[in-house]
PDB file of N, CA and C in Angstrom:
ATOM      1  N   UNK A   1       4.052  -5.965 -21.347  1.00  0.00           N
ATOM      2  CA  UNK A   1       4.730  -4.980 -20.329  1.00  0.00           C
ATOM      3  C   UNK A   1       4.391  -5.501 -18.996  1.00  0.00           C
ATOM      4  N   UNK A   2       5.391  -5.416 -18.012  1.00  0.00           N
ATOM      5  CA  UNK A   2       5.114  -5.744 -16.764  1.00  0.00           C
ATOM      6  C   UNK A   2       5.979  -5.035 -15.729  1.00  0.00           C
ATOM      7  N   UNK A   3       5.539  -5.071 -14.471  1.00  0.00           N
ATOM      8  CA  UNK A   3       6.500  -4.522 -13.490  1.00  0.00           C
ATOM      9  C   UNK A   3       5.618  -4.856 -12.132  1.00  0.00           C
ATOM     10  N   UNK A   4       6.436  -5.348 -11.178  1.00  0.00           N
ATOM     11  CA  UNK A   4       5.834  -5.634  -9.834  1.00  0.00           C
ATOM     12  C   UNK A   4       5.674  -4.334  -9.186  1.00  0.00           C
ATOM     13  N   UNK A   5       4.561  -4.058  -8.702  1.00  0.00           N
ATOM     14  CA  UNK A   5       4.287  -2.899  -7.760  1.00  0.00           C
ATOM     15  C   UNK A   5       4.590  -3.012  -6.476  1.00  0.00           C
ATOM     16  N   UNK A   6       5.227  -4.232  -5.839  1.00  0.00           N
ATOM     17  CA  UNK A   6       5.494  -4.356  -4.615  1.00  0.00           C
ATOM     18  C   UNK A   6       6.335  -3.292  -3.863  1.00  0.00           C
ATOM     19  N   UNK A   7       7.439  -3.008  -4.757  1.00  0.00           N
ATOM     20  CA  UNK A   7       8.399  -1.932  -4.221  1.00  0.00           C
ATOM     21  C   UNK A   7       7.732  -0.649  -4.328  1.00  0.00           C
ATOM     22  N   UNK A   8       6.609  -0.181  -5.175  1.00  0.00           N
ATOM     23  CA  UNK A   8       6.181   1.031  -5.321  1.00  0.00           C
ATOM     24  C   UNK A   8       5.221   1.382  -4.012  1.00  0.00           C
ATOM     25  N   UNK A   9       4.505   0.176  -3.697  1.00  0.00           N
ATOM     26  CA  UNK A   9       3.654   0.726  -2.513  1.00  0.00           C
ATOM     27  C   UNK A   9       4.040  -0.309  -1.277  1.00  0.00           C
ATOM     28  N   UNK A  10       5.143  -0.463  -0.974  1.00  0.00           N
ATOM     29  CA  UNK A  10       5.682  -1.380   0.109  1.00  0.00           C
ATOM     30  C   UNK A  10       5.090  -1.005   1.320  1.00  0.00           C
ATOM     31  N   UNK A  11       4.953   0.242   1.377  1.00  0.00           N
ATOM     32  CA  UNK A  11       4.606   0.699   2.812  1.00  0.00           C
ATOM     33  C   UNK A  11       3.175   1.100   2.978  1.00  0.00           C
ATOM     34  N   UNK A  12       2.346   0.513   1.968  1.00  0.00           N
ATOM     35  CA  UNK A  12       0.948   0.823   2.050  1.00  0.00           C
ATOM     36  C   UNK A  12       0.123  -0.273   3.024  1.00  0.00           C
ATOM     37  N   UNK A  13      -0.988   0.230   3.188  1.00  0.00           N
ATOM     38  CA  UNK A  13      -1.815  -0.493   4.253  1.00  0.00           C
ATOM     39  C   UNK A  13      -2.084  -1.713   3.749  1.00  0.00           C
ATOM     40  N   UNK A  14      -2.179  -2.940   4.830  1.00  0.00           N
ATOM     41  CA  UNK A  14      -2.355  -4.258   4.238  1.00  0.00           C
ATOM     42  C   UNK A  14      -3.786  -4.433   3.595  1.00  0.00           C
ATOM     43  N   UNK A  15      -4.478  -3.404   3.385  1.00  0.00           N
ATOM     44  CA  UNK A  15      -5.712  -3.730   2.700  1.00  0.00           C
ATOM     45  C   UNK A  15      -5.599  -3.518   1.339  1.00  0.00           C
ATOM     46  N   UNK A  16      -4.485  -3.105   0.828  1.00  0.00           N
ATOM     47  CA  UNK A  16      -4.205  -2.949  -0.626  1.00  0.00           C
ATOM     48  C   UNK A  16      -4.275  -4.263  -1.331  1.00  0.00           C
ATOM     49  N   UNK A  17      -4.919  -4.401  -2.488  1.00  0.00           N
ATOM     50  CA  UNK A  17      -4.815  -5.636  -3.241  1.00  0.00           C
ATOM     51  C   UNK A  17      -4.106  -5.494  -4.496  1.00  0.00           C
ATOM     52  N   UNK A  18      -3.186  -6.410  -4.762  1.00  0.00           N
ATOM     53  CA  UNK A  18      -2.555  -6.513  -6.095  1.00  0.00           C
ATOM     54  C   UNK A  18      -3.324  -7.298  -6.991  1.00  0.00           C
ATOM     55  N   UNK A  19      -3.340  -6.902  -8.401  1.00  0.00           N
ATOM     56  CA  UNK A  19      -3.873  -7.538  -9.358  1.00  0.00           C
ATOM     57  C   UNK A  19      -3.422  -7.388 -10.599  1.00  0.00           C
ATOM     58  N   UNK A  20      -3.977  -8.022 -11.749  1.00  0.00           N
ATOM     59  CA  UNK A  20      -3.385  -7.475 -13.021  1.00  0.00           C
ATOM     60  C   UNK A  20      -4.540  -6.821 -13.731  1.00  0.00           C
ATOM     61  N   UNK A  21      -4.257  -5.921 -14.601  1.00  0.00           N
ATOM     62  CA  UNK A  21      -5.553  -5.168 -15.400  1.00  0.00           C
ATOM     63  C   UNK A  21      -4.999  -4.969 -16.779  1.00  0.00           C
ATOM     64  N   UNK A  22      -5.834  -5.461 -17.800  1.00  0.00           N
ATOM     65  CA  UNK A  22      -5.429  -5.224 -19.203  1.00  0.00           C
ATOM     66  C   UNK A  22      -6.421  -4.254 -19.695  1.00  0.00           C
ATOM     67  N   UNK A  23      -5.887  -3.145 -20.266  1.00  0.00           N
ATOM     68  CA  UNK A  23      -6.744  -1.993 -20.724  1.00  0.00           C
ATOM     69  C   UNK A  23      -7.260  -2.626 -22.140  1.00  0.00           C
ATOM     70  N   UNK A  24      -8.654  -2.681 -22.159  1.00  0.00           N
ATOM     71  CA  UNK A  24      -9.444  -3.070 -23.386  1.00  0.00           C
ATOM     72  C   UNK A  24      -9.229  -2.214 -24.564  1.00  0.00           C
ATOM     73  N   UNK A  25      -8.984  -0.878 -24.480  1.00  0.00           N
ATOM     74  CA  UNK A  25      -8.803  -0.111 -25.531  1.00  0.00           C
ATOM     75  C   UNK A  25      -7.475  -0.255 -26.031  1.00  0.00           C
ATOM     76  N   UNK A  26      -6.456  -0.218 -25.282  1.00  0.00           N
ATOM     77  CA  UNK A  26      -5.134  -0.473 -25.708  1.00  0.00           C
ATOM     78  C   UNK A  26      -4.513  -1.793 -25.681  1.00  0.00           C
ATOM     79  N   UNK A  27      -4.999  -2.835 -25.122  1.00  0.00           N
ATOM     80  CA  UNK A  27      -4.288  -4.055 -24.857  1.00  0.00           C
ATOM     81  C   UNK A  27      -3.037  -4.326 -24.212  1.00  0.00           C
ATOM     82  N   UNK A  28      -2.773  -3.117 -23.359  1.00  0.00           N
ATOM     83  CA  UNK A  28      -1.648  -2.929 -22.527  1.00  0.00           C
ATOM     84  C   UNK A  28      -2.150  -3.455 -21.106  1.00  0.00           C
ATOM     85  N   UNK A  29      -1.292  -4.657 -20.903  1.00  0.00           N
ATOM     86  CA  UNK A  29      -1.603  -5.027 -19.531  1.00  0.00           C
ATOM     87  C   UNK A  29      -0.710  -4.345 -18.437  1.00  0.00           C
ATOM     88  N   UNK A  30      -1.269  -3.999 -17.206  1.00  0.00           N
ATOM     89  CA  UNK A  30      -0.532  -3.407 -16.011  1.00  0.00           C
ATOM     90  C   UNK A  30      -0.597  -4.196 -14.923  1.00  0.00           C
ATOM     91  N   UNK A  31       0.373  -4.181 -13.984  1.00  0.00           N
ATOM     92  CA  UNK A  31       0.085  -4.514 -12.546  1.00  0.00           C
ATOM     93  C   UNK A  31      -0.361  -3.485 -12.005  1.00  0.00           C
ATOM     94  N   UNK A  32      -1.313  -4.055 -11.066  1.00  0.00           N
ATOM     95  CA  UNK A  32      -2.079  -2.675 -10.296  1.00  0.00           C
ATOM     96  C   UNK A  32      -2.303  -2.880  -8.895  1.00  0.00           C
ATOM     97  N   UNK A  33      -2.299  -1.992  -8.194  1.00  0.00           N
ATOM     98  CA  UNK A  33      -2.599  -1.995  -6.834  1.00  0.00           C
ATOM     99  C   UNK A  33      -3.761  -1.168  -6.494  1.00  0.00           C
ATOM    100  N   UNK A  34      -4.706  -1.672  -5.748  1.00  0.00           N
ATOM    101  CA  UNK A  34      -6.094  -1.170  -5.588  1.00  0.00           C
ATOM    102  C   UNK A  34      -6.296  -0.860  -4.215  1.00  0.00           C
ATOM    103  N   UNK A  35      -6.451   0.455  -3.853  1.00  0.00           N
ATOM    104  CA  UNK A  35      -6.609   0.877  -2.372  1.00  0.00           C
ATOM    105  C   UNK A  35      -8.040   0.904  -2.250  1.00  0.00           C
ATOM    106  N   UNK A  36      -8.884  -0.228  -1.667  1.00  0.00           N
ATOM    107  CA  UNK A  36     -10.370  -0.059  -1.557  1.00  0.00           C
ATOM    108  C   UNK A  36     -10.783   1.026  -0.848  1.00  0.00           C
ATOM    109  N   UNK A  37     -10.375   1.411   0.241  1.00  0.00           N
ATOM    110  CA  UNK A  37     -10.808   2.420   0.999  1.00  0.00           C
ATOM    111  C   UNK A  37     -10.955   3.678   0.301  1.00  0.00           C
ATOM    112  N   UNK A  38     -10.278   3.912  -0.681  1.00  0.00           N
ATOM    113  CA  UNK A  38     -10.360   5.189  -1.406  1.00  0.00           C
ATOM    114  C   UNK A  38     -10.866   4.941  -2.883  1.00  0.00           C
ATOM    115  N   UNK A  39     -10.997   3.840  -3.294  1.00  0.00           N
ATOM    116  CA  UNK A  39     -11.540   3.215  -4.520  1.00  0.00           C
ATOM    117  C   UNK A  39     -10.418   3.851  -5.705  1.00  0.00           C
ATOM    118  N   UNK A  40      -8.955   3.732  -5.483  1.00  0.00           N
ATOM    119  CA  UNK A  40      -8.015   4.147  -6.344  1.00  0.00           C
ATOM    120  C   UNK A  40      -7.321   3.049  -6.646  1.00  0.00           C
ATOM    121  N   UNK A  41      -6.889   3.085  -8.027  1.00  0.00           N
ATOM    122  CA  UNK A  41      -6.119   1.862  -8.753  1.00  0.00           C
ATOM    123  C   UNK A  41      -4.916   2.661  -9.213  1.00  0.00           C
ATOM    124  N   UNK A  42      -3.725   2.116  -8.880  1.00  0.00           N
ATOM    125  CA  UNK A  42      -2.355   2.527  -9.380  1.00  0.00           C
ATOM    126  C   UNK A  42      -1.916   1.507 -10.478  1.00  0.00           C
ATOM    127  N   UNK A  43      -1.792   1.794 -11.685  1.00  0.00           N
ATOM    128  CA  UNK A  43      -1.379   0.677 -12.634  1.00  0.00           C
ATOM    129  C   UNK A  43      -0.155   1.140 -13.215  1.00  0.00           C
ATOM    130  N   UNK A  44       0.853   0.348 -13.500  1.00  0.00           N
ATOM    131  CA  UNK A  44       2.346   0.444 -14.067  1.00  0.00           C
ATOM    132  C   UNK A  44       2.438  -0.586 -14.868  1.00  0.00           C
ATOM    133  N   UNK A  45       3.039  -0.176 -16.043  1.00  0.00           N
ATOM    134  CA  UNK A  45       3.601  -1.169 -17.058  1.00  0.00           C
ATOM    135  C   UNK A  45       4.860  -0.734 -17.762  1.00  0.00           C
ATOM    136  N   UNK A  46       5.859  -1.641 -17.705  1.00  0.00           N
ATOM    137  CA  UNK A  46       7.204  -1.399 -17.965  1.00  0.00           C
ATOM    138  C   UNK A  46       7.458  -2.513 -19.210  1.00  0.00           C
ATOM    139  N   UNK A  47       8.215  -2.158 -20.225  1.00  0.00           N
ATOM    140  CA  UNK A  47       8.695  -3.029 -21.283  1.00  0.00           C
ATOM    141  C   UNK A  47       9.342  -4.385 -20.587  1.00  0.00           C
ATOM    142  N   UNK A  48       9.065  -5.289 -21.316  1.00  0.00           N
ATOM    143  CA  UNK A  48       9.508  -6.695 -20.716  1.00  0.00           C
ATOM    144  C   UNK A  48      11.106  -6.745 -20.641  1.00  0.00           C
ATOM    145  N   UNK A  49      11.638  -6.084 -21.720  1.00  0.00           N
ATOM    146  CA  UNK A  49      13.096  -6.159 -21.664  1.00  0.00           C
ATOM    147  C   UNK A  49      13.717  -4.844 -21.539  1.00  0.00           C
ATOM    148  N   UNK A  50      13.157  -4.188 -20.355  1.00  0.00           N
ATOM    149  CA  UNK A  50      13.734  -2.715 -20.249  1.00  0.00           C
ATOM    150  C   UNK A  50      15.099  -2.616 -19.369  1.00  0.00           C
ATOM    151  N   UNK A  51      15.789  -1.829 -20.088  1.00  0.00           N
ATOM    152  CA  UNK A  51      17.015  -1.478 -19.535  1.00  0.00           C
ATOM    153  C   UNK A  51      17.149   0.062 -19.302  1.00  0.00           C
ATOM    154  N   UNK A  52      17.630   0.480 -18.264  1.00  0.00           N
ATOM    155  CA  UNK A  52      17.625   1.979 -17.728  1.00  0.00           C
ATOM    156  C   UNK A  52      18.436   2.725 -18.834  1.00  0.00           C
ATOM    157  N   UNK A  53      18.032   3.907 -19.175  1.00  0.00           N
ATOM    158  CA  UNK A  53      16.706   4.460 -18.901  1.00  0.00           C
ATOM    159  C   UNK A  53      15.650   4.103 -19.749  1.00  0.00           C
ATOM    160  N   UNK A  54      14.431   4.016 -19.214  1.00  0.00           N
ATOM    161  CA  UNK A  54      13.175   3.437 -19.974  1.00  0.00           C
ATOM    162  C   UNK A  54      11.994   4.100 -19.633  1.00  0.00           C
ATOM    163  N   UNK A  55      11.175   4.196 -20.551  1.00  0.00           N
ATOM    164  CA  UNK A  55       9.751   4.761 -20.356  1.00  0.00           C
ATOM    165  C   UNK A  55       8.848   3.630 -19.682  1.00  0.00           C
ATOM    166  N   UNK A  56       7.877   4.098 -18.899  1.00  0.00           N
ATOM    167  CA  UNK A  56       6.749   3.462 -18.221  1.00  0.00           C
ATOM    168  C   UNK A  56       5.491   3.957 -18.506  1.00  0.00           C
ATOM    169  N   UNK A  57       4.456   3.308 -18.453  1.00  0.00           N
ATOM    170  CA  UNK A  57       3.179   3.566 -18.424  1.00  0.00           C
ATOM    171  C   UNK A  57       2.576   3.673 -17.329  1.00  0.00           C
ATOM    172  N   UNK A  58       1.920   4.814 -16.662  1.00  0.00           N
ATOM    173  CA  UNK A  58       1.197   4.982 -15.591  1.00  0.00           C
ATOM    174  C   UNK A  58      -0.055   5.386 -15.572  1.00  0.00           C
ATOM    175  N   UNK A  59      -0.996   4.668 -15.012  1.00  0.00           N
ATOM    176  CA  UNK A  59      -2.518   4.950 -14.986  1.00  0.00           C
ATOM    177  C   UNK A  59      -2.835   4.952 -13.375  1.00  0.00           C
ATOM    178  N   UNK A  60      -3.589   6.230 -13.059  1.00  0.00           N
ATOM    179  CA  UNK A  60      -4.120   6.429 -11.797  1.00  0.00           C
ATOM    180  C   UNK A  60      -5.762   6.527 -11.945  1.00  0.00           C
ATOM    181  N   UNK A  61      -6.274   5.518 -11.481  1.00  0.00           N
ATOM    182  CA  UNK A  61      -7.848   5.595 -11.754  1.00  0.00           C
ATOM    183  C   UNK A  61      -8.601   5.850 -10.319  1.00  0.00           C
ATOM    184  N   UNK A  62      -8.926   7.108 -10.127  1.00  0.00           N
ATOM    185  CA  UNK A  62      -9.631   7.556  -8.823  1.00  0.00           C
ATOM    186  C   UNK A  62     -10.854   8.316  -8.995  1.00  0.00           C
ATOM    187  N   UNK A  63     -11.708   8.320  -8.172  1.00  0.00           N
ATOM    188  CA  UNK A  63     -12.893   9.118  -8.261  1.00  0.00           C
ATOM    189  C   UNK A  63     -12.554  10.441  -7.919  1.00  0.00           C
ATOM    190  N   UNK A  64     -13.320  11.570  -8.595  1.00  0.00           N
ATOM    191  CA  UNK A  64     -12.938  13.023  -8.318  1.00  0.00           C
ATOM    192  C   UNK A  64     -12.882  13.389  -6.837  1.00  0.00           C
ATOM    193  N   UNK A  65     -13.759  12.646  -5.932  1.00  0.00           N
ATOM    194  CA  UNK A  65     -13.884  13.082  -4.781  1.00  0.00           C
ATOM    195  C   UNK A  65     -12.545  12.703  -3.859  1.00  0.00           C
ATOM    196  N   UNK A  66     -11.467  11.911  -4.538  1.00  0.00           N
ATOM    197  CA  UNK A  66     -10.332  11.881  -3.852  1.00  0.00           C
ATOM    198  C   UNK A  66      -9.586  13.308  -3.707  1.00  0.00           C
ATOM    199  N   UNK A  67      -9.763  13.996  -4.758  1.00  0.00           N
ATOM    200  CA  UNK A  67      -9.238  15.258  -4.787  1.00  0.00           C
ATOM    201  C   UNK A  67      -7.805  15.380  -5.780  1.00  0.00           C
ATOM    202  N   UNK A  68      -6.962  14.449  -5.395  1.00  0.00           N
ATOM    203  CA  UNK A  68      -5.754  14.143  -6.241  1.00  0.00           C
ATOM    204  C   UNK A  68      -4.984  13.002  -5.801  1.00  0.00           C
ATOM    205  N   UNK A  69      -4.347  12.317  -6.556  1.00  0.00           N
ATOM    206  CA  UNK A  69      -3.793  10.892  -6.414  1.00  0.00           C
ATOM    207  C   UNK A  69      -2.272  11.124  -7.041  1.00  0.00           C
ATOM    208  N   UNK A  70      -1.319  10.265  -6.466  1.00  0.00           N
ATOM    209  CA  UNK A  70       0.069  10.321  -7.025  1.00  0.00           C
ATOM    210  C   UNK A  70       0.842   9.086  -6.672  1.00  0.00           C
ATOM    211  N   UNK A  71       1.985   9.104  -7.271  1.00  0.00           N
ATOM    212  CA  UNK A  71       3.172   8.123  -7.000  1.00  0.00           C
ATOM    213  C   UNK A  71       4.333   8.778  -6.610  1.00  0.00           C
ATOM    214  N   UNK A  72       5.099   8.312  -5.414  1.00  0.00           N
ATOM    215  CA  UNK A  72       6.218   8.818  -5.169  1.00  0.00           C
ATOM    216  C   UNK A  72       7.187   7.658  -5.559  1.00  0.00           C
ATOM    217  N   UNK A  73       7.987   7.841  -6.633  1.00  0.00           N
ATOM    218  CA  UNK A  73       8.844   6.812  -7.237  1.00  0.00           C
ATOM    219  C   UNK A  73       9.886   6.254  -6.380  1.00  0.00           C
ATOM    220  N   UNK A  74      10.322   6.940  -5.232  1.00  0.00           N
ATOM    221  CA  UNK A  74      11.184   6.316  -4.380  1.00  0.00           C
ATOM    222  C   UNK A  74      10.805   5.703  -3.157  1.00  0.00           C
ATOM    223  N   UNK A  75       9.380   5.466  -3.131  1.00  0.00           N
ATOM    224  CA  UNK A  75       8.701   4.983  -1.890  1.00  0.00           C
ATOM    225  C   UNK A  75       8.215   5.832  -0.872  1.00  0.00           C
ATOM    226  N   UNK A  76       8.896   6.995  -0.748  1.00  0.00           N
ATOM    227  CA  UNK A  76       8.239   8.033   0.023  1.00  0.00           C
ATOM    228  C   UNK A  76       8.268   9.385  -0.658  1.00  0.00           C
ATOM    229  N   UNK A  77       7.421  10.299   0.076  1.00  0.00           N
ATOM    230  CA  UNK A  77       7.270  11.682  -0.785  1.00  0.00           C
ATOM    231  C   UNK A  77       8.498  12.600  -0.745  1.00  0.00           C
ATOM    232  N   UNK A  78       9.190  12.464   0.169  1.00  0.00           N
ATOM    233  CA  UNK A  78      10.464  13.494   0.119  1.00  0.00           C
ATOM    234  C   UNK A  78      11.557  13.156  -0.490  1.00  0.00           C
ATOM    235  N   UNK A  79      12.341  13.969  -1.131  1.00  0.00           N
ATOM    236  CA  UNK A  79      13.490  13.709  -1.924  1.00  0.00           C
ATOM    237  C   UNK A  79      13.338  12.618  -2.897  1.00  0.00           C
ATOM    238  N   UNK A  80      12.287  12.575  -3.672  1.00  0.00           N
ATOM    239  CA  UNK A  80      12.001  11.561  -4.760  1.00  0.00           C
ATOM    240  C   UNK A  80      11.085  12.072  -5.729  1.00  0.00           C
ATOM    241  N   UNK A  81      11.139  11.618  -7.034  1.00  0.00           N
ATOM    242  CA  UNK A  81      10.368  12.148  -8.082  1.00  0.00           C
ATOM    243  C   UNK A  81       8.985  11.705  -7.747  1.00  0.00           C
ATOM    244  N   UNK A  82       8.005  12.684  -8.038  1.00  0.00           N
ATOM    245  CA  UNK A  82       6.613  12.321  -7.680  1.00  0.00           C
ATOM    246  C   UNK A  82       5.882  12.693  -9.103  1.00  0.00           C
ATOM    247  N   UNK A  83       4.868  11.838  -9.180  1.00  0.00           N
ATOM    248  CA  UNK A  83       3.926  12.052 -10.235  1.00  0.00           C
ATOM    249  C   UNK A  83       2.500  12.164  -9.675  1.00  0.00           C
ATOM    250  N   UNK A  84       1.814  13.396  -9.980  1.00  0.00           N
ATOM    251  CA  UNK A  84       0.487  13.428  -9.245  1.00  0.00           C
ATOM    252  C   UNK A  84      -0.584  13.800 -10.428  1.00  0.00           C
ATOM    253  N   UNK A  85      -1.822  13.540 -10.131  1.00  0.00           N
ATOM    254  CA  UNK A  85      -2.821  13.942 -11.003  1.00  0.00           C
ATOM    255  C   UNK A  85      -3.986  14.276 -10.320  1.00  0.00           C
ATOM    256  N   UNK A  86      -4.887  15.283 -11.038  1.00  0.00           N
ATOM    257  CA  UNK A  86      -6.247  15.632 -10.536  1.00  0.00           C
ATOM    258  C   UNK A  86      -7.110  16.044 -11.595  1.00  0.00           C
ATOM    259  N   UNK A  87      -8.370  16.278 -11.350  1.00  0.00           N
ATOM    260  CA  UNK A  87      -9.264  16.622 -12.362  1.00  0.00           C
ATOM    261  C   UNK A  87      -9.474  18.154 -12.137  1.00  0.00           C
ATOM    262  N   UNK A  88      -9.457  18.814 -13.251  1.00  0.00           N
ATOM    263  CA  UNK A  88      -9.785  20.208 -13.285  1.00  0.00           C
ATOM    264  C   UNK A  88     -10.817  20.448 -14.224  1.00  0.00           C
ATOM    265  N   UNK A  89     -12.131  20.517 -13.945  1.00  0.00           N
ATOM    266  CA  UNK A  89     -13.332  20.564 -14.495  1.00  0.00           C
ATOM    267  C   UNK A  89     -13.469  19.444 -15.440  1.00  0.00           C
ATOM    268  N   UNK A  90     -13.368  19.355 -16.742  1.00  0.00           N
ATOM    269  CA  UNK A  90     -13.544  18.311 -17.632  1.00  0.00           C
ATOM    270  C   UNK A  90     -12.226  17.670 -18.104  1.00  0.00           C
ATOM    271  N   UNK A  91     -11.055  18.179 -17.468  1.00  0.00           N
ATOM    272  CA  UNK A  91      -9.718  17.778 -18.063  1.00  0.00           C
ATOM    273  C   UNK A  91      -8.910  17.242 -16.763  1.00  0.00           C
ATOM    274  N   UNK A  92      -7.963  16.293 -17.310  1.00  0.00           N
ATOM    275  CA  UNK A  92      -6.996  15.590 -16.278  1.00  0.00           C
ATOM    276  C   UNK A  92      -5.691  16.414 -16.237  1.00  0.00           C
ATOM    277  N   UNK A  93      -5.381  16.818 -15.134  1.00  0.00           N
ATOM    278  CA  UNK A  93      -3.968  17.526 -15.148  1.00  0.00           C
ATOM    279  C   UNK A  93      -2.892  16.537 -14.445  1.00  0.00           C
ATOM    280  N   UNK A  94      -1.687  16.467 -14.993  1.00  0.00           N
ATOM    281  CA  UNK A  94      -0.765  15.317 -14.629  1.00  0.00           C
ATOM    282  C   UNK A  94       0.462  16.449 -14.400  1.00  0.00           C
ATOM    283  N   UNK A  95       1.139  16.276 -13.376  1.00  0.00           N
ATOM    284  CA  UNK A  95       2.375  16.953 -13.174  1.00  0.00           C
ATOM    285  C   UNK A  95       3.351  16.041 -12.407  1.00  0.00           C
ATOM    286  N   UNK A  96       4.590  16.440 -12.842  1.00  0.00           N
ATOM    287  CA  UNK A  96       5.795  15.990 -12.169  1.00  0.00           C
ATOM    288  C   UNK A  96       6.266  16.743 -11.128  1.00  0.00           C
ATOM    289  N   UNK A  97       6.636  16.358  -9.769  1.00  0.00           N
ATOM    290  CA  UNK A  97       6.785  17.280  -8.847  1.00  0.00           C
ATOM    291  C   UNK A  97       8.097  16.681  -7.913  1.00  0.00           C
ATOM    292  N   UNK A  98       8.784  17.473  -7.233  1.00  0.00           N
ATOM    293  CA  UNK A  98       9.861  17.134  -6.189  1.00  0.00           C
ATOM    294  C   UNK A  98       9.536  17.811  -4.883  1.00  0.00           C
ATOM    295  N   UNK A  99       9.624  16.921  -3.756  1.00  0.00           N
ATOM    296  CA  UNK A  99       9.317  17.561  -2.489  1.00  0.00           C
ATOM    297  C   UNK A  99      10.487  17.530  -1.668  1.00  0.00           C
ATOM    298  N   UNK A 100      11.129  18.742  -1.383  1.00  0.00           N
ATOM    299  CA  UNK A 100      12.297  18.775  -0.401  1.00  0.00           C
ATOM    300  C   UNK A 100      12.118  18.228   1.051  1.00  0.00           C
TER     301      UNK A 100
END
């Protein structure tokens, strides 16, 4: 599975690092962008032969101290689908949102 994350985080700070991450538990390989200043990794995998509409795999790895982390699928927060996640005690909450 693959996807270039350049479009997802094109407006991110120049300190963002793009790398490849393969999950040892699932053997799924993701393209990832790491924001070192927050210790957050955004990971996305798309099937090699995807034609719209298709499913994606999204992982956001962040410390609890960040509070919440998310992805704006259109490149900016307003008028685009959002996927956000945060810790709630010992569980992870994931939510789809839309910001007008």
